[in-house]
Amino acid sequence: MSLENTPVTLAATGVTLNAEIRPGDDDSPVICLHGIWDDGKYFVELALEGAFPGQKMYLLDLRGHGESDKPGGWLRPEQLCRRHHRVHYRAADGQRRPGRALPRG
């Protein structure tokens, strides 16, 4: 069993994502999405050991990770979190309240 390296271009943004693809049935492909600290290589062992037999698997490097495009430069994980996440806090009454966005790092 082998993987084929194929770039995937997102039509809406023009960003190219790197993908390792395991051949298989196109009817129900498995799309593996990594976490903030990883890239698509996280799933290589799983794909090569035969997980989801007969199904096509896409092991994607998300935007800014691995071999995918990094438009606007590379962000350290803490910068990414500051840019895309909002702070929440619990008020004295126990209710979760939205805070303001963290300053850009």
PDB file of N, CA and C in Angstrom:
ATOM      1  N   MET A   1       0.858  -1.168   0.000  1.00  0.00           N
ATOM      2  CA  MET A   1       0.000   0.000   0.000  1.00  0.00           C
ATOM      3  C   MET A   1       0.905   1.232   0.000  1.00  0.00           C
ATOM      4  N   SER A   2       0.534   2.242  -0.769  1.00  0.00           N
ATOM      5  CA  SER A   2       1.348   3.450  -0.834  1.00  0.00           C
ATOM      6  C   SER A   2       0.460   4.685  -0.874  1.00  0.00           C
ATOM      7  N   LEU A   3       1.105   5.820  -0.644  1.00  0.00           N
ATOM      8  CA  LEU A   3       0.418   7.107  -0.684  1.00  0.00           C
ATOM      9  C   LEU A   3       0.952   7.900  -1.853  1.00  0.00           C
ATOM     10  N   GLU A   4       0.102   8.712  -2.443  1.00  0.00           N
ATOM     11  CA  GLU A   4       0.530   9.567  -3.553  1.00  0.00           C
ATOM     12  C   GLU A   4       0.414  11.015  -3.101  1.00  0.00           C
ATOM     13  N   ASN A   5       1.468  11.804  -3.321  1.00  0.00           N
ATOM     14  CA  ASN A   5       1.480  13.205  -2.917  1.00  0.00           C
ATOM     15  C   ASN A   5       0.834  14.032  -4.007  1.00  0.00           C
ATOM     16  N   THR A   6      -0.232  14.764  -3.667  1.00  0.00           N
ATOM     17  CA  THR A   6      -0.997  15.526  -4.645  1.00  0.00           C
ATOM     18  C   THR A   6      -1.381  16.884  -4.079  1.00  0.00           C
ATOM     19  N   PRO A   7      -1.075  17.974  -4.781  1.00  0.00           N
ATOM     20  CA  PRO A   7      -1.559  19.273  -4.317  1.00  0.00           C
ATOM     21  C   PRO A   7      -3.051  19.425  -4.608  1.00  0.00           C
ATOM     22  N   VAL A   8      -3.766  20.046  -3.688  1.00  0.00           N
ATOM     23  CA  VAL A   8      -5.197  20.300  -3.833  1.00  0.00           C
ATOM     24  C   VAL A   8      -5.389  21.812  -3.742  1.00  0.00           C
ATOM     25  N   THR A   9      -5.937  22.440  -4.788  1.00  0.00           N
ATOM     26  CA  THR A   9      -6.131  23.886  -4.767  1.00  0.00           C
ATOM     27  C   THR A   9      -7.580  24.215  -4.443  1.00  0.00           C
ATOM     28  N   LEU A  10      -7.782  25.080  -3.457  1.00  0.00           N
ATOM     29  CA  LEU A  10      -9.124  25.496  -3.069  1.00  0.00           C
ATOM     30  C   LEU A  10      -9.582  26.589  -4.020  1.00  0.00           C
ATOM     31  N   ALA A  11     -10.632  26.343  -4.754  1.00  0.00           N
ATOM     32  CA  ALA A  11     -11.098  27.264  -5.788  1.00  0.00           C
ATOM     33  C   ALA A  11     -11.471  28.638  -5.214  1.00  0.00           C
ATOM     34  N   ALA A  12     -12.067  28.674  -4.043  1.00  0.00           N
ATOM     35  CA  ALA A  12     -12.546  29.935  -3.486  1.00  0.00           C
ATOM     36  C   ALA A  12     -11.414  30.885  -3.108  1.00  0.00           C
ATOM     37  N   THR A  13     -10.276  30.334  -2.667  1.00  0.00           N
ATOM     38  CA  THR A  13      -9.194  31.190  -2.168  1.00  0.00           C
ATOM     39  C   THR A  13      -7.922  31.111  -3.005  1.00  0.00           C
ATOM     40  N   GLY A  14      -7.789  30.070  -3.810  1.00  0.00           N
ATOM     41  CA  GLY A  14      -6.564  29.878  -4.575  1.00  0.00           C
ATOM     42  C   GLY A  14      -5.426  29.314  -3.752  1.00  0.00           C
ATOM     43  N   VAL A  15      -5.669  28.987  -2.485  1.00  0.00           N
ATOM     44  CA  VAL A  15      -4.649  28.409  -1.612  1.00  0.00           C
ATOM     45  C   VAL A  15      -4.465  26.941  -1.976  1.00  0.00           C
ATOM     46  N   THR A  16      -3.218  26.512  -2.073  1.00  0.00           N
ATOM     47  CA  THR A  16      -2.931  25.118  -2.386  1.00  0.00           C
ATOM     48  C   THR A  16      -2.561  24.369  -1.111  1.00  0.00           C
ATOM     49  N   LEU A  17      -3.285  23.291  -0.850  1.00  0.00           N
ATOM     50  CA  LEU A  17      -3.006  22.434   0.287  1.00  0.00           C
ATOM     51  C   LEU A  17      -2.260  21.201  -0.193  1.00  0.00           C
ATOM     52  N   ASN A  18      -1.287  20.765   0.584  1.00  0.00           N
ATOM     53  CA  ASN A  18      -0.598  19.518   0.275  1.00  0.00           C
ATOM     54  C   ASN A  18      -1.453  18.367   0.795  1.00  0.00           C
ATOM     55  N   ALA A  19      -1.515  17.283   0.053  1.00  0.00           N
ATOM     56  CA  ALA A  19      -2.284  16.119   0.491  1.00  0.00           C
ATOM     57  C   ALA A  19      -1.554  14.837   0.121  1.00  0.00           C
ATOM     58  N   GLU A  20      -1.521  13.907   1.057  1.00  0.00           N
ATOM     59  CA  GLU A  20      -1.122  12.541   0.764  1.00  0.00           C
ATOM     60  C   GLU A  20      -2.438  11.801   0.564  1.00  0.00           C
ATOM     61  N   ILE A  21      -2.543  11.051  -0.520  1.00  0.00           N
ATOM     62  CA  ILE A  21      -3.793  10.370  -0.826  1.00  0.00           C
ATOM     63  C   ILE A  21      -3.541   8.871  -0.942  1.00  0.00           C
ATOM     64  N   ARG A  22      -4.337   8.084  -0.191  1.00  0.00           N
ATOM     65  CA  ARG A  22      -4.293   6.637  -0.337  1.00  0.00           C
ATOM     66  C   ARG A  22      -5.418   6.246  -1.270  1.00  0.00           C
ATOM     67  N   PRO A  23      -5.088   5.561  -2.368  1.00  0.00           N
ATOM     68  CA  PRO A  23      -6.125   5.161  -3.323  1.00  0.00           C
ATOM     69  C   PRO A  23      -7.202   4.300  -2.660  1.00  0.00           C
ATOM     70  N   GLY A  24      -8.407   4.368  -3.209  1.00  0.00           N
ATOM     71  CA  GLY A  24      -9.507   3.564  -2.708  1.00  0.00           C
ATOM     72  C   GLY A  24     -10.816   4.021  -3.321  1.00  0.00           C
ATOM     73  N   ASP A  25     -11.902   3.592  -2.716  1.00  0.00           N
ATOM     74  CA  ASP A  25     -13.247   3.882  -3.187  1.00  0.00           C
ATOM     75  C   ASP A  25     -13.570   5.365  -3.015  1.00  0.00           C
ATOM     76  N   ASP A  26     -13.971   6.023  -4.109  1.00  0.00           N
ATOM     77  CA  ASP A  26     -14.299   7.449  -4.076  1.00  0.00           C
ATOM     78  C   ASP A  26     -15.664   7.741  -3.467  1.00  0.00           C
ATOM     79  N   ASP A  27     -16.508   6.713  -3.291  1.00  0.00           N
ATOM     80  CA  ASP A  27     -17.870   6.938  -2.806  1.00  0.00           C
ATOM     81  C   ASP A  27     -17.921   7.446  -1.370  1.00  0.00           C
ATOM     82  N   SER A  28     -16.978   7.028  -0.545  1.00  0.00           N
ATOM     83  CA  SER A  28     -16.987   7.449   0.865  1.00  0.00           C
ATOM     84  C   SER A  28     -15.551   7.641   1.354  1.00  0.00           C
ATOM     85  N   PRO A  29     -14.881   8.694   0.869  1.00  0.00           N
ATOM     86  CA  PRO A  29     -13.497   8.921   1.280  1.00  0.00           C
ATOM     87  C   PRO A  29     -13.407   9.344   2.747  1.00  0.00           C
ATOM     88  N   VAL A  30     -12.251   9.097   3.335  1.00  0.00           N
ATOM     89  CA  VAL A  30     -11.963   9.516   4.706  1.00  0.00           C
ATOM     90  C   VAL A  30     -11.038  10.724   4.613  1.00  0.00           C
ATOM     91  N   ILE A  31     -11.424  11.834   5.218  1.00  0.00           N
ATOM     92  CA  ILE A  31     -10.606  13.045   5.211  1.00  0.00           C
ATOM     93  C   ILE A  31     -10.034  13.218   6.612  1.00  0.00           C
ATOM     94  N   CYS A  32      -8.707  13.152   6.712  1.00  0.00           N
ATOM     95  CA  CYS A  32      -8.025  13.244   8.001  1.00  0.00           C
ATOM     96  C   CYS A  32      -7.539  14.670   8.215  1.00  0.00           C
ATOM     97  N   LEU A  33      -8.032  15.319   9.254  1.00  0.00           N
ATOM     98  CA  LEU A  33      -7.668  16.703   9.566  1.00  0.00           C
ATOM     99  C   LEU A  33      -6.890  16.730  10.879  1.00  0.00           C
ATOM    100  N   HIS A  34      -5.695  17.273  10.813  1.00  0.00           N
ATOM    101  CA  HIS A  34      -4.811  17.296  11.981  1.00  0.00           C
ATOM    102  C   HIS A  34      -5.134  18.459  12.911  1.00  0.00           C
ATOM    103  N   GLY A  35      -4.511  18.442  14.083  1.00  0.00           N
ATOM    104  CA  GLY A  35      -4.663  19.515  15.060  1.00  0.00           C
ATOM    105  C   GLY A  35      -3.664  20.638  14.811  1.00  0.00           C
ATOM    106  N   ILE A  36      -3.677  21.627  15.679  1.00  0.00           N
ATOM    107  CA  ILE A  36      -2.871  22.836  15.498  1.00  0.00           C
ATOM    108  C   ILE A  36      -1.371  22.555  15.515  1.00  0.00           C
ATOM    109  N   TRP A  37      -0.920  21.535  16.188  1.00  0.00           N
ATOM    110  CA  TRP A  37       0.517  21.273  16.326  1.00  0.00           C
ATOM    111  C   TRP A  37       1.033  20.316  15.264  1.00  0.00           C
ATOM    112  N   ASP A  38       0.218  19.759  14.397  1.00  0.00           N
ATOM    113  CA  ASP A  38       0.618  18.685  13.493  1.00  0.00           C
ATOM    114  C   ASP A  38       0.484  19.067  12.022  1.00  0.00           C
ATOM    115  N   ASP A  39       0.670  18.058  11.169  1.00  0.00           N
ATOM    116  CA  ASP A  39       0.386  18.165   9.739  1.00  0.00           C
ATOM    117  C   ASP A  39      -0.157  16.812   9.298  1.00  0.00           C
ATOM    118  N   GLY A  40      -0.388  16.643   8.004  1.00  0.00           N
ATOM    119  CA  GLY A  40      -0.992  15.416   7.501  1.00  0.00           C
ATOM    120  C   GLY A  40      -0.176  14.153   7.770  1.00  0.00           C
ATOM    121  N   LYS A  41       1.125  14.306   8.010  1.00  0.00           N
ATOM    122  CA  LYS A  41       1.980  13.142   8.285  1.00  0.00           C
ATOM    123  C   LYS A  41       1.563  12.422   9.565  1.00  0.00           C
ATOM    124  N   TYR A  42       0.809  13.099  10.399  1.00  0.00           N
ATOM    125  CA  TYR A  42       0.310  12.506  11.638  1.00  0.00           C
ATOM    126  C   TYR A  42      -0.468  11.219  11.354  1.00  0.00           C
ATOM    127  N   PHE A  43      -1.099  11.134  10.189  1.00  0.00           N
ATOM    128  CA  PHE A  43      -1.975  10.007   9.859  1.00  0.00           C
ATOM    129  C   PHE A  43      -1.338   8.958   8.941  1.00  0.00           C
ATOM    130  N   VAL A  44      -0.079   9.143   8.543  1.00  0.00           N
ATOM    131  CA  VAL A  44       0.552   8.233   7.578  1.00  0.00           C
ATOM    132  C   VAL A  44       0.541   6.791   8.072  1.00  0.00           C
ATOM    133  N   GLU A  45       0.965   6.563   9.304  1.00  0.00           N
ATOM    134  CA  GLU A  45       1.010   5.196   9.834  1.00  0.00           C
ATOM    135  C   GLU A  45      -0.375   4.556   9.812  1.00  0.00           C
ATOM    136  N   LEU A  46      -1.366   5.317  10.199  1.00  0.00           N
ATOM    137  CA  LEU A  46      -2.745   4.833  10.197  1.00  0.00           C
ATOM    138  C   LEU A  46      -3.162   4.400   8.782  1.00  0.00           C
ATOM    139  N   ALA A  47      -2.849   5.235   7.796  1.00  0.00           N
ATOM    140  CA  ALA A  47      -3.233   4.938   6.409  1.00  0.00           C
ATOM    141  C   ALA A  47      -2.481   3.726   5.870  1.00  0.00           C
ATOM    142  N   LEU A  48      -1.188   3.648   6.166  1.00  0.00           N
ATOM    143  CA  LEU A  48      -0.381   2.542   5.635  1.00  0.00           C
ATOM    144  C   LEU A  48      -0.682   1.210   6.312  1.00  0.00           C
ATOM    145  N   GLU A  49      -1.184   1.248   7.538  1.00  0.00           N
ATOM    146  CA  GLU A  49      -1.533   0.012   8.238  1.00  0.00           C
ATOM    147  C   GLU A  49      -2.899  -0.526   7.829  1.00  0.00           C
ATOM    148  N   GLY A  50      -3.601   0.201   6.959  1.00  0.00           N
ATOM    149  CA  GLY A  50      -4.852  -0.314   6.411  1.00  0.00           C
ATOM    150  C   GLY A  50      -6.114   0.095   7.137  1.00  0.00           C
ATOM    151  N   ALA A  51      -6.073   1.169   7.903  1.00  0.00           N
ATOM    152  CA  ALA A  51      -7.301   1.663   8.545  1.00  0.00           C
ATOM    153  C   ALA A  51      -8.321   2.013   7.459  1.00  0.00           C
ATOM    154  N   PHE A  52      -9.561   1.835   7.734  1.00  0.00           N
ATOM    155  CA  PHE A  52     -10.647   2.102   6.778  1.00  0.00           C
ATOM    156  C   PHE A  52     -10.388   1.373   5.454  1.00  0.00           C
ATOM    157  N   PRO A  53     -10.337   0.046   5.489  1.00  0.00           N
ATOM    158  CA  PRO A  53      -9.992  -0.735   4.297  1.00  0.00           C
ATOM    159  C   PRO A  53     -10.888  -0.433   3.102  1.00  0.00           C
ATOM    160  N   GLY A  54     -10.263  -0.272   1.951  1.00  0.00           N
ATOM    161  CA  GLY A  54     -10.965  -0.046   0.701  1.00  0.00           C
ATOM    162  C   GLY A  54     -11.392   1.391   0.463  1.00  0.00           C
ATOM    163  N   GLN A  55     -11.284   2.243   1.474  1.00  0.00           N
ATOM    164  CA  GLN A  55     -11.725   3.626   1.317  1.00  0.00           C
ATOM    165  C   GLN A  55     -10.537   4.523   0.976  1.00  0.00           C
ATOM    166  N   LYS A  56     -10.795   5.487   0.101  1.00  0.00           N
ATOM    167  CA  LYS A  56      -9.785   6.487  -0.222  1.00  0.00           C
ATOM    168  C   LYS A  56      -9.567   7.348   1.020  1.00  0.00           C
ATOM    169  N   MET A  57      -8.307   7.703   1.295  1.00  0.00           N
ATOM    170  CA  MET A  57      -7.986   8.552   2.442  1.00  0.00           C
ATOM    171  C   MET A  57      -7.226   9.784   1.969  1.00  0.00           C
ATOM    172  N   TYR A  58      -7.639  10.938   2.458  1.00  0.00           N
ATOM    173  CA  TYR A  58      -6.943  12.199   2.211  1.00  0.00           C
ATOM    174  C   TYR A  58      -6.283  12.636   3.510  1.00  0.00           C
ATOM    175  N   LEU A  59      -4.958  12.758   3.505  1.00  0.00           N
ATOM    176  CA  LEU A  59      -4.207  13.229   4.667  1.00  0.00           C
ATOM    177  C   LEU A  59      -3.737  14.640   4.335  1.00  0.00           C
ATOM    178  N   LEU A  60      -4.496  15.632   4.762  1.00  0.00           N
ATOM    179  CA  LEU A  60      -4.248  17.015   4.359  1.00  0.00           C
ATOM    180  C   LEU A  60      -3.311  17.742   5.304  1.00  0.00           C
ATOM    181  N   ASP A  61      -2.461  18.597   4.728  1.00  0.00           N
ATOM    182  CA  ASP A  61      -1.753  19.624   5.490  1.00  0.00           C
ATOM    183  C   ASP A  61      -2.647  20.854   5.378  1.00  0.00           C
ATOM    184  N   LEU A  62      -3.226  21.293   6.472  1.00  0.00           N
ATOM    185  CA  LEU A  62      -4.090  22.464   6.425  1.00  0.00           C
ATOM    186  C   LEU A  62      -3.281  23.719   6.113  1.00  0.00           C
ATOM    187  N   ARG A  63      -3.959  24.778   5.728  1.00  0.00           N
ATOM    188  CA  ARG A  63      -3.317  26.046   5.376  1.00  0.00           C
ATOM    189  C   ARG A  63      -2.337  26.461   6.478  1.00  0.00           C
ATOM    190  N   GLY A  64      -1.110  26.749   6.053  1.00  0.00           N
ATOM    191  CA  GLY A  64      -0.087  27.186   7.001  1.00  0.00           C
ATOM    192  C   GLY A  64       0.655  26.057   7.693  1.00  0.00           C
ATOM    193  N   HIS A  65       0.348  24.809   7.360  1.00  0.00           N
ATOM    194  CA  HIS A  65       0.984  23.653   7.994  1.00  0.00           C
ATOM    195  C   HIS A  65       1.711  22.822   6.948  1.00  0.00           C
ATOM    196  N   GLY A  66       2.733  22.092   7.382  1.00  0.00           N
ATOM    197  CA  GLY A  66       3.443  21.167   6.501  1.00  0.00           C
ATOM    198  C   GLY A  66       3.871  21.814   5.204  1.00  0.00           C
ATOM    199  N   GLU A  67       3.521  21.181   4.086  1.00  0.00           N
ATOM    200  CA  GLU A  67       3.913  21.658   2.754  1.00  0.00           C
ATOM    201  C   GLU A  67       2.847  22.522   2.082  1.00  0.00           C
ATOM    202  N   SER A  68       1.761  22.845   2.793  1.00  0.00           N
ATOM    203  CA  SER A  68       0.700  23.682   2.220  1.00  0.00           C
ATOM    204  C   SER A  68       1.131  25.143   2.168  1.00  0.00           C
ATOM    205  N   ASP A  69       0.400  25.921   1.346  1.00  0.00           N
ATOM    206  CA  ASP A  69       0.665  27.354   1.238  1.00  0.00           C
ATOM    207  C   ASP A  69       0.567  28.029   2.609  1.00  0.00           C
ATOM    208  N   LYS A  70       1.381  29.063   2.756  1.00  0.00           N
ATOM    209  CA  LYS A  70       1.379  29.862   3.981  1.00  0.00           C
ATOM    210  C   LYS A  70       1.193  31.334   3.605  1.00  0.00           C
ATOM    211  N   PRO A  71       0.012  31.688   3.068  1.00  0.00           N
ATOM    212  CA  PRO A  71      -0.212  33.072   2.659  1.00  0.00           C
ATOM    213  C   PRO A  71      -0.062  34.025   3.838  1.00  0.00           C
ATOM    214  N   GLY A  72       0.641  35.112   3.608  1.00  0.00           N
ATOM    215  CA  GLY A  72       0.831  36.081   4.683  1.00  0.00           C
ATOM    216  C   GLY A  72       1.897  35.665   5.671  1.00  0.00           C
ATOM    217  N   GLY A  73       2.647  34.632   5.356  1.00  0.00           N
ATOM    218  CA  GLY A  73       3.709  34.188   6.256  1.00  0.00           C
ATOM    219  C   GLY A  73       3.229  33.131   7.224  1.00  0.00           C
ATOM    220  N   TRP A  74       4.164  32.627   7.978  1.00  0.00           N
ATOM    221  CA  TRP A  74       3.899  31.572   8.946  1.00  0.00           C
ATOM    222  C   TRP A  74       3.609  32.188  10.296  1.00  0.00           C
ATOM    223  N   LEU A  75       2.611  31.670  10.991  1.00  0.00           N
ATOM    224  CA  LEU A  75       2.277  32.147  12.329  1.00  0.00           C
ATOM    225  C   LEU A  75       2.665  31.104  13.361  1.00  0.00           C
ATOM    226  N   ARG A  76       3.253  31.555  14.459  1.00  0.00           N
ATOM    227  CA  ARG A  76       3.494  30.641  15.577  1.00  0.00           C
ATOM    228  C   ARG A  76       2.130  30.280  16.161  1.00  0.00           C
ATOM    229  N   PRO A  77       2.000  29.095  16.777  1.00  0.00           N
ATOM    230  CA  PRO A  77       0.689  28.677  17.302  1.00  0.00           C
ATOM    231  C   PRO A  77       0.037  29.713  18.216  1.00  0.00           C
ATOM    232  N   GLU A  78       0.829  30.370  19.069  1.00  0.00           N
ATOM    233  CA  GLU A  78       0.211  31.350  19.964  1.00  0.00           C
ATOM    234  C   GLU A  78      -0.311  32.564  19.197  1.00  0.00           C
ATOM    235  N   GLN A  79       0.327  32.916  18.077  1.00  0.00           N
ATOM    236  CA  GLN A  79      -0.183  34.003  17.242  1.00  0.00           C
ATOM    237  C   GLN A  79      -1.487  33.588  16.574  1.00  0.00           C
ATOM    238  N   LEU A  80      -1.534  32.349  16.095  1.00  0.00           N
ATOM    239  CA  LEU A  80      -2.732  31.829  15.454  1.00  0.00           C
ATOM    240  C   LEU A  80      -3.905  31.864  16.432  1.00  0.00           C
ATOM    241  N   CYS A  81      -3.670  31.438  17.655  1.00  0.00           N
ATOM    242  CA  CYS A  81      -4.729  31.438  18.665  1.00  0.00           C
ATOM    243  C   CYS A  81      -5.201  32.850  18.945  1.00  0.00           C
ATOM    244  N   ARG A  82      -4.278  33.776  19.065  1.00  0.00           N
ATOM    245  CA  ARG A  82      -4.669  35.162  19.352  1.00  0.00           C
ATOM    246  C   ARG A  82      -5.479  35.756  18.207  1.00  0.00           C
ATOM    247  N   ARG A  83      -5.126  35.383  16.983  1.00  0.00           N
ATOM    248  CA  ARG A  83      -5.784  35.981  15.823  1.00  0.00           C
ATOM    249  C   ARG A  83      -7.185  35.429  15.609  1.00  0.00           C
ATOM    250  N   HIS A  84      -7.419  34.163  15.960  1.00  0.00           N
ATOM    251  CA  HIS A  84      -8.665  33.512  15.563  1.00  0.00           C
ATOM    252  C   HIS A  84      -9.602  33.137  16.705  1.00  0.00           C
ATOM    253  N   HIS A  85      -9.188  33.346  17.924  1.00  0.00           N
ATOM    254  CA  HIS A  85     -10.037  32.922  19.033  1.00  0.00           C
ATOM    255  C   HIS A  85     -10.373  34.102  19.931  1.00  0.00           C
ATOM    256  N   ARG A  86     -11.525  34.022  20.504  1.00  0.00           N
ATOM    257  CA  ARG A  86     -11.949  35.071  21.436  1.00  0.00           C
ATOM    258  C   ARG A  86     -11.845  34.526  22.851  1.00  0.00           C
ATOM    259  N   VAL A  87     -11.607  35.420  23.757  1.00  0.00           N
ATOM    260  CA  VAL A  87     -11.522  35.032  25.162  1.00  0.00           C
ATOM    261  C   VAL A  87     -12.938  34.941  25.723  1.00  0.00           C
ATOM    262  N   HIS A  88     -13.196  33.933  26.541  1.00  0.00           N
ATOM    263  CA  HIS A  88     -14.462  33.826  27.244  1.00  0.00           C
ATOM    264  C   HIS A  88     -14.156  33.771  28.736  1.00  0.00           C
ATOM    265  N   TYR A  89     -15.055  34.209  29.528  1.00  0.00           N
ATOM    266  CA  TYR A  89     -14.865  34.144  30.968  1.00  0.00           C
ATOM    267  C   TYR A  89     -16.193  33.794  31.616  1.00  0.00           C
ATOM    268  N   ARG A  90     -16.124  33.349  32.846  1.00  0.00           N
ATOM    269  CA  ARG A  90     -17.338  33.058  33.599  1.00  0.00           C
ATOM    270  C   ARG A  90     -17.594  34.211  34.558  1.00  0.00           C
ATOM    271  N   ALA A  91     -18.772  34.755  34.466  1.00  0.00           N
ATOM    272  CA  ALA A  91     -19.146  35.853  35.355  1.00  0.00           C
ATOM    273  C   ALA A  91     -19.441  35.298  36.747  1.00  0.00           C
ATOM    274  N   ALA A  92     -19.594  36.199  37.694  1.00  0.00           N
ATOM    275  CA  ALA A  92     -19.853  35.789  39.082  1.00  0.00           C
ATOM    276  C   ALA A  92     -21.098  34.923  39.191  1.00  0.00           C
ATOM    277  N   ASP A  93     -22.072  35.114  38.296  1.00  0.00           N
ATOM    278  CA  ASP A  93     -23.299  34.319  38.344  1.00  0.00           C
ATOM    279  C   ASP A  93     -23.141  32.953  37.681  1.00  0.00           C
ATOM    280  N   GLY A  94     -21.906  32.631  37.202  1.00  0.00           N
ATOM    281  CA  GLY A  94     -21.638  31.322  36.598  1.00  0.00           C
ATOM    282  C   GLY A  94     -21.907  31.250  35.109  1.00  0.00           C
ATOM    283  N   GLN A  95     -22.440  32.314  34.537  1.00  0.00           N
ATOM    284  CA  GLN A  95     -22.729  32.329  33.103  1.00  0.00           C
ATOM    285  C   GLN A  95     -21.461  32.605  32.302  1.00  0.00           C
ATOM    286  N   ARG A  96     -21.323  31.922  31.179  1.00  0.00           N
ATOM    287  CA  ARG A  96     -20.182  32.144  30.301  1.00  0.00           C
ATOM    288  C   ARG A  96     -20.467  33.380  29.458  1.00  0.00           C
ATOM    289  N   ARG A  97     -19.556  34.303  29.442  1.00  0.00           N
ATOM    290  CA  ARG A  97     -19.737  35.553  28.715  1.00  0.00           C
ATOM    291  C   ARG A  97     -18.604  35.736  27.712  1.00  0.00           C
ATOM    292  N   PRO A  98     -18.929  36.257  26.529  1.00  0.00           N
ATOM    293  CA  PRO A  98     -17.848  36.514  25.569  1.00  0.00           C
ATOM    294  C   PRO A  98     -17.017  37.702  26.019  1.00  0.00           C
ATOM    295  N   GLY A  99     -15.731  37.601  25.800  1.00  0.00           N
ATOM    296  CA  GLY A  99     -14.821  38.704  26.096  1.00  0.00           C
ATOM    297  C   GLY A  99     -14.428  39.379  24.801  1.00  0.00           C
ATOM    298  N   ARG A 100     -13.395  40.154  24.853  1.00  0.00           N
ATOM    299  CA  ARG A 100     -12.917  40.789  23.627  1.00  0.00           C
ATOM    300  C   ARG A 100     -11.833  39.925  23.014  1.00  0.00           C
ATOM    301  N   ALA A 101     -11.568  40.146  21.755  1.00  0.00           N
ATOM    302  CA  ALA A 101     -10.528  39.382  21.066  1.00  0.00           C
ATOM    303  C   ALA A 101      -9.186  39.697  21.692  1.00  0.00           C
ATOM    304  N   LEU A 102      -8.304  38.712  21.737  1.00  0.00           N
ATOM    305  CA  LEU A 102      -6.951  38.938  22.248  1.00  0.00           C
ATOM    306  C   LEU A 102      -6.207  39.865  21.284  1.00  0.00           C
ATOM    307  N   PRO A 103      -5.283  40.663  21.801  1.00  0.00           N
ATOM    308  CA  PRO A 103      -4.519  41.531  20.899  1.00  0.00           C
ATOM    309  C   PRO A 103      -3.686  40.695  19.928  1.00  0.00           C
ATOM    310  N   ARG A 104      -3.531  41.194  18.723  1.00  0.00           N
ATOM    311  CA  ARG A 104      -2.726  40.459  17.744  1.00  0.00           C
ATOM    312  C   ARG A 104      -1.271  40.498  18.173  1.00  0.00           C
ATOM    313  N   GLY A 105      -0.622  39.310  18.061  1.00  0.00           N
ATOM    314  CA  GLY A 105       0.775  39.185  18.499  1.00  0.00           C
ATOM    315  C   GLY A 105       1.770  39.420  17.421  1.00  0.00           C
TER     316      GLY A 105
END
